[in-house]
Structure formats: C-alpha cells, structure tokens
Amino acid sequence: MKCPYCGYEQDKVVDSRSSKEGRAVRRRRECLQCEKRFTTYEYVENFPLTIVKNDQRREPYDRQKLMSGIMSACKKRPVSLRKIESIVDKIEIVLEKEGRTEVPSGEIGEYVMEELYKLDEVAYVRFASVYRKFKDRDAFVSEIKGLESRADIKTRAAR
C-alpha cells in the first residue's frame, strides 16, 4: 500500500476491524518512512455490475460517480459525508442482494431520490431536477407541489 503522504510503499497495520456492517475491513496503517497514519478499507470483490444508461449504453458501476452525484445535490446542505456514504452503502446492499449483473440507471436514480427525500428536501429537488431532466419551469413547480403535498400528508398523519 502506497503512503498517501510520501508515496513510500511499505507500512505496518496498527489496527484492523470490521466495518460497514461487516462488508469491509477497516485498517489503520502507519508508513514505515514518514510514520504518518492513514486508513484503508478492504472489500470483497463482487460480481462486476453494469449500469444500463437511458440510451442503452452500458458502463461499469462506479461508486465514486454515484457519490459525486449525491454530493452535488447536497452541496451547501447540512448533510454529512457519512450520511452520503450511508446512502451509497444502502443502494449497494440492495443491488448486491438482487444479484443482477445489469441495472438500469433509472432504478439507481429512484433509489437515490427515495433516500434523499427522507434526508433533505432541497437535495432531493436538486437531484430530481437533474435526474428527471425537467423540460421547463412548470415541471419543476409540479415536483415542488408534489413534495409539499407529501409533507402535508405526513403532518396530518403525525397529529
């Protein structure tokens, strides 16, 4: 493992523990040259997942791409990186349990919107505006009104 600080390729593991609901091993490492510590995660290599885009192109699943899309929607919102990682973890667990090798991008988008709706309405609307490709202002306003009506239903149910 290459040290992220000095690039030296030898280190020692100072701590290992199960992480991410047993799906990963978290290791604290110490560089043998600069003595700085860093964390790595070890995952079981799963089947390759292919994402089927709307135009039927296929591309390999990329966790970082999903993370960055969610992070863009959550920019300047009170949503921690840990919560974003949790959303991605939940989606990966669902996909893993289904055992499919190909998943439509639209399905992943729906999972993301479902999680963002529970977490932060502004982030949800931002993601939905890009994901659903609103054609005009009316489509955007319609989404906001739908959000308001769901909030009204929740409020009435809580009473």
N, C-alpha and C. Protein backbone atom coordinates (compact mmCIF):
# COMPACT_ATOMS: atom_id res chain seq x y z
N MET A 1 0.85 -1.17 0.00
CA MET A 1 0.00 0.00 0.00
C MET A 1 0.90 1.23 0.00
N LYS A 2 0.65 2.14 -0.92
CA LYS A 2 1.45 3.35 -1.04
C LYS A 2 0.97 4.40 -0.03
N CYS A 3 1.89 5.00 0.70
CA CYS A 3 1.57 6.04 1.66
C CYS A 3 1.01 7.26 0.91
N PRO A 4 -0.14 7.79 1.32
CA PRO A 4 -0.71 8.95 0.63
C PRO A 4 0.06 10.24 0.90
N TYR A 5 0.95 10.22 1.89
CA TYR A 5 1.71 11.42 2.24
C TYR A 5 3.06 11.49 1.53
N CYS A 6 3.81 10.36 1.57
CA CYS A 6 5.17 10.41 1.00
C CYS A 6 5.37 9.43 -0.16
N GLY A 7 4.40 8.55 -0.41
CA GLY A 7 4.49 7.63 -1.54
C GLY A 7 5.29 6.36 -1.25
N TYR A 8 5.82 6.22 -0.06
CA TYR A 8 6.60 5.03 0.30
C TYR A 8 5.68 3.81 0.27
N GLU A 9 6.21 2.67 -0.17
CA GLU A 9 5.34 1.51 -0.39
C GLU A 9 5.34 0.48 0.72
N GLN A 10 5.92 0.80 1.86
CA GLN A 10 5.90 -0.15 2.96
C GLN A 10 5.27 0.49 4.19
N ASP A 11 4.40 -0.27 4.83
CA ASP A 11 3.73 0.22 6.02
C ASP A 11 3.47 -0.95 6.95
N LYS A 12 2.97 -0.63 8.14
CA LYS A 12 2.55 -1.68 9.04
C LYS A 12 1.10 -1.40 9.44
N VAL A 13 0.36 -2.48 9.65
CA VAL A 13 -1.03 -2.37 10.08
C VAL A 13 -1.03 -2.26 11.60
N VAL A 14 -1.63 -1.17 12.12
CA VAL A 14 -1.66 -0.98 13.56
C VAL A 14 -3.02 -1.32 14.17
N ASP A 15 -4.05 -1.43 13.33
CA ASP A 15 -5.38 -1.80 13.83
C ASP A 15 -6.22 -2.30 12.68
N SER A 16 -6.99 -3.35 12.91
CA SER A 16 -7.95 -3.88 11.92
C SER A 16 -9.27 -4.13 12.62
N ARG A 17 -10.35 -3.79 11.93
CA ARG A 17 -11.68 -4.09 12.49
C ARG A 17 -12.70 -4.16 11.38
N SER A 18 -13.77 -4.86 11.67
CA SER A 18 -14.88 -4.98 10.72
C SER A 18 -15.55 -3.62 10.60
N SER A 19 -16.03 -3.32 9.40
CA SER A 19 -16.64 -2.03 9.15
C SER A 19 -17.77 -2.18 8.15
N LYS A 20 -18.58 -1.16 8.03
CA LYS A 20 -19.67 -1.11 7.06
C LYS A 20 -20.53 -2.37 7.11
N GLU A 21 -21.02 -2.64 8.32
CA GLU A 21 -21.92 -3.77 8.56
C GLU A 21 -21.30 -5.10 8.14
N GLY A 22 -20.01 -5.25 8.37
CA GLY A 22 -19.33 -6.50 8.06
C GLY A 22 -18.97 -6.67 6.60
N ARG A 23 -19.20 -5.65 5.79
CA ARG A 23 -18.91 -5.75 4.36
C ARG A 23 -17.50 -5.28 4.02
N ALA A 24 -16.78 -4.79 5.01
CA ALA A 24 -15.43 -4.29 4.76
C ALA A 24 -14.57 -4.48 6.00
N VAL A 25 -13.26 -4.42 5.79
CA VAL A 25 -12.31 -4.41 6.90
C VAL A 25 -11.61 -3.06 6.87
N ARG A 26 -11.66 -2.37 8.00
CA ARG A 26 -11.00 -1.06 8.12
C ARG A 26 -9.63 -1.31 8.74
N ARG A 27 -8.61 -0.79 8.09
CA ARG A 27 -7.25 -0.97 8.61
C ARG A 27 -6.59 0.39 8.81
N ARG A 28 -6.02 0.59 10.00
CA ARG A 28 -5.19 1.77 10.27
C ARG A 28 -3.77 1.34 9.98
N ARG A 29 -3.09 2.11 9.17
CA ARG A 29 -1.73 1.78 8.77
C ARG A 29 -0.79 2.92 9.17
N GLU A 30 0.47 2.56 9.34
CA GLU A 30 1.49 3.55 9.63
C GLU A 30 2.63 3.36 8.64
N CYS A 31 2.97 4.45 7.96
CA CYS A 31 4.06 4.42 6.98
C CYS A 31 5.38 4.17 7.71
N LEU A 32 6.19 3.27 7.16
CA LEU A 32 7.48 2.96 7.78
C LEU A 32 8.55 4.01 7.50
N GLN A 33 8.24 4.95 6.59
CA GLN A 33 9.21 6.01 6.30
C GLN A 33 8.86 7.30 7.04
N CYS A 34 7.67 7.86 6.79
CA CYS A 34 7.32 9.16 7.39
C CYS A 34 6.57 9.00 8.71
N GLU A 35 6.14 7.79 9.03
CA GLU A 35 5.46 7.45 10.27
C GLU A 35 4.07 8.07 10.42
N LYS A 36 3.51 8.60 9.33
CA LYS A 36 2.14 9.13 9.39
C LYS A 36 1.17 7.96 9.26
N ARG A 37 -0.02 8.14 9.81
CA ARG A 37 -1.04 7.09 9.77
C ARG A 37 -2.12 7.42 8.75
N PHE A 38 -2.67 6.36 8.17
CA PHE A 38 -3.77 6.52 7.22
C PHE A 38 -4.68 5.29 7.31
N THR A 39 -5.87 5.42 6.78
CA THR A 39 -6.88 4.36 6.86
C THR A 39 -7.16 3.81 5.48
N THR A 40 -7.28 2.49 5.41
CA THR A 40 -7.69 1.84 4.16
C THR A 40 -8.88 0.95 4.47
N TYR A 41 -9.67 0.64 3.43
CA TYR A 41 -10.80 -0.27 3.55
C TYR A 41 -10.59 -1.41 2.56
N GLU A 42 -10.87 -2.60 3.01
CA GLU A 42 -10.73 -3.79 2.17
C GLU A 42 -12.13 -4.37 1.98
N TYR A 43 -12.52 -4.58 0.71
CA TYR A 43 -13.84 -5.11 0.37
C TYR A 43 -13.69 -6.44 -0.35
N VAL A 44 -14.70 -7.26 -0.23
CA VAL A 44 -14.75 -8.48 -1.03
C VAL A 44 -15.06 -8.06 -2.46
N GLU A 45 -14.35 -8.62 -3.39
CA GLU A 45 -14.60 -8.28 -4.79
C GLU A 45 -15.85 -9.01 -5.25
N ASN A 46 -16.85 -8.24 -5.59
CA ASN A 46 -18.12 -8.80 -6.03
C ASN A 46 -18.19 -8.90 -7.54
N PHE A 47 -19.28 -9.46 -8.00
CA PHE A 47 -19.51 -9.55 -9.44
C PHE A 47 -19.49 -8.15 -10.04
N PRO A 48 -19.00 -8.04 -11.26
CA PRO A 48 -19.00 -6.71 -11.88
C PRO A 48 -20.44 -6.28 -12.21
N LEU A 49 -20.78 -5.10 -11.79
CA LEU A 49 -22.12 -4.58 -12.03
C LEU A 49 -22.05 -3.60 -13.20
N THR A 50 -22.97 -3.76 -14.13
CA THR A 50 -23.03 -2.89 -15.30
C THR A 50 -24.28 -2.03 -15.20
N ILE A 51 -24.11 -0.74 -15.47
CA ILE A 51 -25.23 0.19 -15.46
C ILE A 51 -25.69 0.39 -16.90
N VAL A 52 -27.00 0.22 -17.12
CA VAL A 52 -27.58 0.41 -18.45
C VAL A 52 -28.16 1.82 -18.48
N LYS A 53 -27.56 2.67 -19.30
CA LYS A 53 -27.97 4.06 -19.41
C LYS A 53 -29.28 4.15 -20.21
N ASN A 54 -29.90 5.33 -20.19
CA ASN A 54 -31.17 5.52 -20.90
C ASN A 54 -31.06 5.28 -22.40
N ASP A 55 -29.90 5.57 -22.98
CA ASP A 55 -29.71 5.35 -24.42
C ASP A 55 -29.19 3.94 -24.72
N GLN A 56 -29.28 3.05 -23.72
CA GLN A 56 -28.89 1.64 -23.80
C GLN A 56 -27.38 1.40 -23.81
N ARG A 57 -26.57 2.48 -23.64
CA ARG A 57 -25.14 2.26 -23.46
C ARG A 57 -24.94 1.56 -22.13
N ARG A 58 -23.85 0.83 -22.03
CA ARG A 58 -23.53 0.15 -20.79
C ARG A 58 -22.18 0.63 -20.30
N GLU A 59 -22.11 0.83 -18.98
CA GLU A 59 -20.83 1.23 -18.38
C GLU A 59 -20.71 0.56 -17.02
N PRO A 60 -19.48 0.32 -16.58
CA PRO A 60 -19.30 -0.32 -15.27
C PRO A 60 -19.80 0.58 -14.14
N TYR A 61 -20.35 -0.04 -13.12
CA TYR A 61 -20.79 0.70 -11.93
C TYR A 61 -19.57 1.37 -11.32
N ASP A 62 -19.75 2.63 -10.90
CA ASP A 62 -18.67 3.39 -10.30
C ASP A 62 -19.19 4.06 -9.04
N ARG A 63 -18.76 3.56 -7.90
CA ARG A 63 -19.20 4.09 -6.61
C ARG A 63 -18.92 5.59 -6.51
N GLN A 64 -17.75 6.01 -6.96
CA GLN A 64 -17.37 7.42 -6.86
C GLN A 64 -18.29 8.30 -7.70
N LYS A 65 -18.73 7.82 -8.84
CA LYS A 65 -19.63 8.60 -9.69
C LYS A 65 -20.97 8.79 -8.97
N LEU A 66 -21.46 7.74 -8.35
CA LEU A 66 -22.71 7.84 -7.58
C LEU A 66 -22.53 8.79 -6.41
N MET A 67 -21.42 8.67 -5.70
CA MET A 67 -21.13 9.56 -4.57
C MET A 67 -21.10 11.02 -5.02
N SER A 68 -20.41 11.29 -6.13
CA SER A 68 -20.28 12.69 -6.56
C SER A 68 -21.62 13.27 -6.99
N GLY A 69 -22.50 12.46 -7.58
CA GLY A 69 -23.83 12.94 -7.95
C GLY A 69 -24.64 13.33 -6.72
N ILE A 70 -24.56 12.50 -5.70
CA ILE A 70 -25.29 12.79 -4.46
C ILE A 70 -24.65 13.99 -3.76
N MET A 71 -23.33 14.05 -3.76
CA MET A 71 -22.64 15.19 -3.12
C MET A 71 -23.01 16.51 -3.80
N SER A 72 -23.16 16.50 -5.11
CA SER A 72 -23.56 17.72 -5.82
C SER A 72 -24.94 18.19 -5.37
N ALA A 73 -25.85 17.23 -5.22
CA ALA A 73 -27.21 17.58 -4.76
C ALA A 73 -27.20 18.10 -3.33
N CYS A 74 -26.25 17.64 -2.54
CA CYS A 74 -26.18 18.00 -1.11
C CYS A 74 -25.26 19.19 -0.83
N LYS A 75 -24.70 19.77 -1.89
CA LYS A 75 -23.76 20.88 -1.70
C LYS A 75 -24.40 22.02 -0.91
N LYS A 76 -23.68 22.49 0.09
CA LYS A 76 -24.13 23.57 0.97
C LYS A 76 -25.40 23.24 1.73
N ARG A 77 -25.64 21.95 1.96
CA ARG A 77 -26.76 21.48 2.76
C ARG A 77 -26.20 20.81 4.00
N PRO A 78 -26.98 20.71 5.07
CA PRO A 78 -26.48 20.09 6.30
C PRO A 78 -26.49 18.56 6.23
N VAL A 79 -25.78 18.03 5.24
CA VAL A 79 -25.72 16.58 5.03
C VAL A 79 -24.24 16.18 5.08
N SER A 80 -23.92 15.32 6.01
CA SER A 80 -22.53 14.92 6.20
C SER A 80 -22.09 13.90 5.15
N LEU A 81 -20.80 13.81 4.97
CA LEU A 81 -20.23 12.82 4.06
C LEU A 81 -20.61 11.42 4.54
N ARG A 82 -20.66 11.23 5.82
CA ARG A 82 -21.04 9.92 6.38
C ARG A 82 -22.46 9.52 5.95
N LYS A 83 -23.38 10.49 5.93
CA LYS A 83 -24.76 10.19 5.51
C LYS A 83 -24.80 9.86 4.01
N ILE A 84 -24.00 10.56 3.23
CA ILE A 84 -23.94 10.28 1.79
C ILE A 84 -23.38 8.88 1.56
N GLU A 85 -22.32 8.54 2.28
CA GLU A 85 -21.76 7.20 2.16
C GLU A 85 -22.77 6.14 2.58
N SER A 86 -23.57 6.46 3.58
CA SER A 86 -24.60 5.54 4.04
C SER A 86 -25.65 5.28 2.96
N ILE A 87 -26.02 6.33 2.23
CA ILE A 87 -26.97 6.17 1.12
C ILE A 87 -26.38 5.24 0.07
N VAL A 88 -25.14 5.49 -0.30
CA VAL A 88 -24.48 4.65 -1.32
C VAL A 88 -24.37 3.22 -0.82
N ASP A 89 -24.02 3.04 0.45
CA ASP A 89 -23.93 1.69 1.02
C ASP A 89 -25.28 0.98 0.93
N LYS A 90 -26.37 1.67 1.29
CA LYS A 90 -27.71 1.08 1.24
C LYS A 90 -28.04 0.62 -0.18
N ILE A 91 -27.75 1.48 -1.14
CA ILE A 91 -28.05 1.16 -2.54
C ILE A 91 -27.23 -0.05 -2.98
N GLU A 92 -25.95 -0.08 -2.61
CA GLU A 92 -25.09 -1.21 -2.98
C GLU A 92 -25.58 -2.51 -2.34
N ILE A 93 -26.06 -2.44 -1.11
CA ILE A 93 -26.57 -3.64 -0.45
C ILE A 93 -27.80 -4.17 -1.19
N VAL A 94 -28.70 -3.27 -1.57
CA VAL A 94 -29.89 -3.68 -2.32
C VAL A 94 -29.49 -4.34 -3.64
N LEU A 95 -28.58 -3.71 -4.37
CA LEU A 95 -28.15 -4.24 -5.66
C LEU A 95 -27.44 -5.59 -5.49
N GLU A 96 -26.64 -5.69 -4.44
CA GLU A 96 -25.91 -6.92 -4.17
C GLU A 96 -26.87 -8.07 -3.86
N LYS A 97 -27.88 -7.79 -3.05
CA LYS A 97 -28.86 -8.82 -2.68
C LYS A 97 -29.66 -9.29 -3.88
N GLU A 98 -29.92 -8.38 -4.82
CA GLU A 98 -30.68 -8.76 -6.01
C GLU A 98 -29.85 -9.67 -6.91
N GLY A 99 -28.54 -9.55 -6.85
CA GLY A 99 -27.66 -10.44 -7.60
C GLY A 99 -27.66 -10.26 -9.11
N ARG A 100 -28.17 -9.16 -9.58
CA ARG A 100 -28.18 -8.92 -11.02
C ARG A 100 -26.82 -8.40 -11.49
N THR A 101 -26.51 -8.60 -12.74
CA THR A 101 -25.26 -8.08 -13.29
C THR A 101 -25.48 -6.78 -14.06
N GLU A 102 -26.73 -6.49 -14.42
CA GLU A 102 -27.07 -5.24 -15.11
C GLU A 102 -28.24 -4.57 -14.41
N VAL A 103 -28.11 -3.26 -14.22
CA VAL A 103 -29.16 -2.48 -13.56
C VAL A 103 -29.37 -1.20 -14.35
N PRO A 104 -30.63 -0.87 -14.67
CA PRO A 104 -30.88 0.40 -15.36
C PRO A 104 -30.51 1.59 -14.47
N SER A 105 -29.93 2.62 -15.07
CA SER A 105 -29.53 3.80 -14.31
C SER A 105 -30.74 4.46 -13.65
N GLY A 106 -31.89 4.34 -14.29
CA GLY A 106 -33.11 4.92 -13.73
C GLY A 106 -33.49 4.32 -12.39
N GLU A 107 -33.22 3.03 -12.24
CA GLU A 107 -33.52 2.36 -10.98
C GLU A 107 -32.64 2.91 -9.85
N ILE A 108 -31.38 3.11 -10.17
CA ILE A 108 -30.46 3.66 -9.16
C ILE A 108 -30.88 5.09 -8.82
N GLY A 109 -31.27 5.86 -9.82
CA GLY A 109 -31.76 7.22 -9.59
C GLY A 109 -32.96 7.25 -8.67
N GLU A 110 -33.87 6.30 -8.84
CA GLU A 110 -35.05 6.23 -7.97
C GLU A 110 -34.65 5.90 -6.54
N TYR A 111 -33.69 4.98 -6.36
CA TYR A 111 -33.21 4.66 -5.01
C TYR A 111 -32.61 5.90 -4.36
N VAL A 112 -31.82 6.65 -5.12
CA VAL A 112 -31.18 7.86 -4.59
C VAL A 112 -32.24 8.87 -4.18
N MET A 113 -33.24 9.10 -5.04
CA MET A 113 -34.27 10.08 -4.73
C MET A 113 -35.06 9.68 -3.49
N GLU A 114 -35.33 8.40 -3.35
CA GLU A 114 -36.05 7.91 -2.17
C GLU A 114 -35.27 8.23 -0.89
N GLU A 115 -33.97 7.99 -0.92
CA GLU A 115 -33.13 8.25 0.26
C GLU A 115 -32.97 9.75 0.51
N LEU A 116 -32.78 10.54 -0.55
CA LEU A 116 -32.62 11.99 -0.38
C LEU A 116 -33.91 12.63 0.12
N TYR A 117 -35.04 12.10 -0.32
CA TYR A 117 -36.33 12.63 0.14
C TYR A 117 -36.44 12.52 1.66
N LYS A 118 -35.98 11.39 2.21
CA LYS A 118 -36.03 11.18 3.67
C LYS A 118 -35.02 12.08 4.39
N LEU A 119 -33.94 12.42 3.70
CA LEU A 119 -32.83 13.11 4.34
C LEU A 119 -32.90 14.63 4.25
N ASP A 120 -33.13 15.16 3.04
CA ASP A 120 -33.09 16.61 2.84
C ASP A 120 -33.88 16.97 1.59
N GLU A 121 -34.96 17.73 1.76
CA GLU A 121 -35.84 18.02 0.65
C GLU A 121 -35.18 18.86 -0.45
N VAL A 122 -34.31 19.78 -0.06
CA VAL A 122 -33.63 20.61 -1.06
C VAL A 122 -32.70 19.74 -1.91
N ALA A 123 -31.95 18.86 -1.27
CA ALA A 123 -31.06 17.95 -2.00
C ALA A 123 -31.89 17.05 -2.91
N TYR A 124 -33.04 16.62 -2.41
CA TYR A 124 -33.94 15.78 -3.22
C TYR A 124 -34.37 16.52 -4.49
N VAL A 125 -34.80 17.77 -4.34
CA VAL A 125 -35.26 18.55 -5.50
C VAL A 125 -34.11 18.79 -6.47
N ARG A 126 -32.94 19.09 -5.95
CA ARG A 126 -31.78 19.30 -6.82
C ARG A 126 -31.48 18.03 -7.64
N PHE A 127 -31.46 16.90 -6.95
CA PHE A 127 -31.16 15.65 -7.65
C PHE A 127 -32.25 15.34 -8.67
N ALA A 128 -33.51 15.51 -8.26
CA ALA A 128 -34.63 15.23 -9.15
C ALA A 128 -34.60 16.12 -10.38
N SER A 129 -34.20 17.37 -10.22
CA SER A 129 -34.18 18.30 -11.36
C SER A 129 -33.18 17.84 -12.42
N VAL A 130 -32.08 17.27 -12.00
CA VAL A 130 -31.08 16.77 -12.96
C VAL A 130 -31.51 15.39 -13.47
N TYR A 131 -31.91 14.53 -12.56
CA TYR A 131 -32.27 13.15 -12.91
C TYR A 131 -33.48 13.09 -13.83
N ARG A 132 -34.49 13.86 -13.51
CA ARG A 132 -35.73 13.82 -14.31
C ARG A 132 -35.69 14.76 -15.50
N LYS A 133 -34.64 15.55 -15.60
CA LYS A 133 -34.44 16.45 -16.75
C LYS A 133 -35.69 17.29 -17.02
N PHE A 134 -36.09 18.08 -16.04
CA PHE A 134 -37.27 18.90 -16.21
C PHE A 134 -37.14 19.74 -17.47
N LYS A 135 -38.18 19.72 -18.27
CA LYS A 135 -38.17 20.42 -19.56
C LYS A 135 -38.39 21.92 -19.39
N ASP A 136 -39.18 22.28 -18.37
CA ASP A 136 -39.50 23.69 -18.18
C ASP A 136 -39.80 23.99 -16.72
N ARG A 137 -40.11 25.23 -16.46
CA ARG A 137 -40.41 25.68 -15.10
C ARG A 137 -41.62 24.96 -14.53
N ASP A 138 -42.64 24.71 -15.34
CA ASP A 138 -43.86 24.06 -14.86
C ASP A 138 -43.58 22.66 -14.31
N ALA A 139 -42.72 21.92 -14.97
CA ALA A 139 -42.38 20.58 -14.48
C ALA A 139 -41.68 20.67 -13.13
N PHE A 140 -40.84 21.67 -12.97
CA PHE A 140 -40.12 21.88 -11.71
C PHE A 140 -41.11 22.26 -10.61
N VAL A 141 -42.01 23.18 -10.90
CA VAL A 141 -43.01 23.63 -9.93
C VAL A 141 -43.92 22.47 -9.53
N SER A 142 -44.25 21.64 -10.49
CA SER A 142 -45.09 20.47 -10.22
C SER A 142 -44.41 19.53 -9.23
N GLU A 143 -43.11 19.33 -9.38
CA GLU A 143 -42.36 18.49 -8.45
C GLU A 143 -42.38 19.08 -7.05
N ILE A 144 -42.22 20.39 -6.94
CA ILE A 144 -42.25 21.07 -5.64
C ILE A 144 -43.63 20.90 -5.00
N LYS A 145 -44.69 21.07 -5.78
CA LYS A 145 -46.04 20.91 -5.24
C LYS A 145 -46.27 19.48 -4.77
N GLY A 146 -45.75 18.52 -5.49
CA GLY A 146 -45.85 17.12 -5.06
C GLY A 146 -45.14 16.91 -3.74
N LEU A 147 -44.01 17.57 -3.58
CA LEU A 147 -43.24 17.50 -2.34
C LEU A 147 -44.05 18.11 -1.19
N GLU A 148 -44.68 19.25 -1.46
CA GLU A 148 -45.50 19.91 -0.43
C GLU A 148 -46.68 19.04 -0.03
N SER A 149 -47.34 18.39 -0.99
CA SER A 149 -48.50 17.56 -0.66
C SER A 149 -48.07 16.35 0.17
N ARG A 150 -46.90 15.78 -0.11
CA ARG A 150 -46.40 14.67 0.70
C ARG A 150 -46.11 15.14 2.13
N ALA A 151 -45.61 16.36 2.25
CA ALA A 151 -45.32 16.91 3.58
C ALA A 151 -46.63 17.13 4.35
N ASP A 152 -47.68 17.60 3.64
CA ASP A 152 -48.99 17.79 4.27
C ASP A 152 -49.55 16.47 4.79
N ILE A 153 -49.40 15.42 4.01
CA ILE A 153 -49.89 14.09 4.40
C ILE A 153 -49.15 13.62 5.65
N LYS A 154 -47.83 13.82 5.68
CA LYS A 154 -47.04 13.44 6.84
C LYS A 154 -47.48 14.20 8.09
N THR A 155 -47.74 15.51 7.91
CA THR A 155 -48.14 16.34 9.04
C THR A 155 -49.48 15.87 9.60
N ARG A 156 -50.43 15.58 8.70
CA ARG A 156 -51.74 15.11 9.15
C ARG A 156 -51.62 13.76 9.84
N ALA A 157 -50.80 12.89 9.34
CA ALA A 157 -50.63 11.57 9.92
C ALA A 157 -49.99 11.65 11.30
N ALA A 158 -49.16 12.65 11.52
CA ALA A 158 -48.47 12.80 12.82
C ALA A 158 -49.40 13.32 13.90
N ARG A 159 -50.52 13.93 13.52
CA ARG A 159 -51.44 14.52 14.51
C ARG A 159 -52.24 13.49 15.22
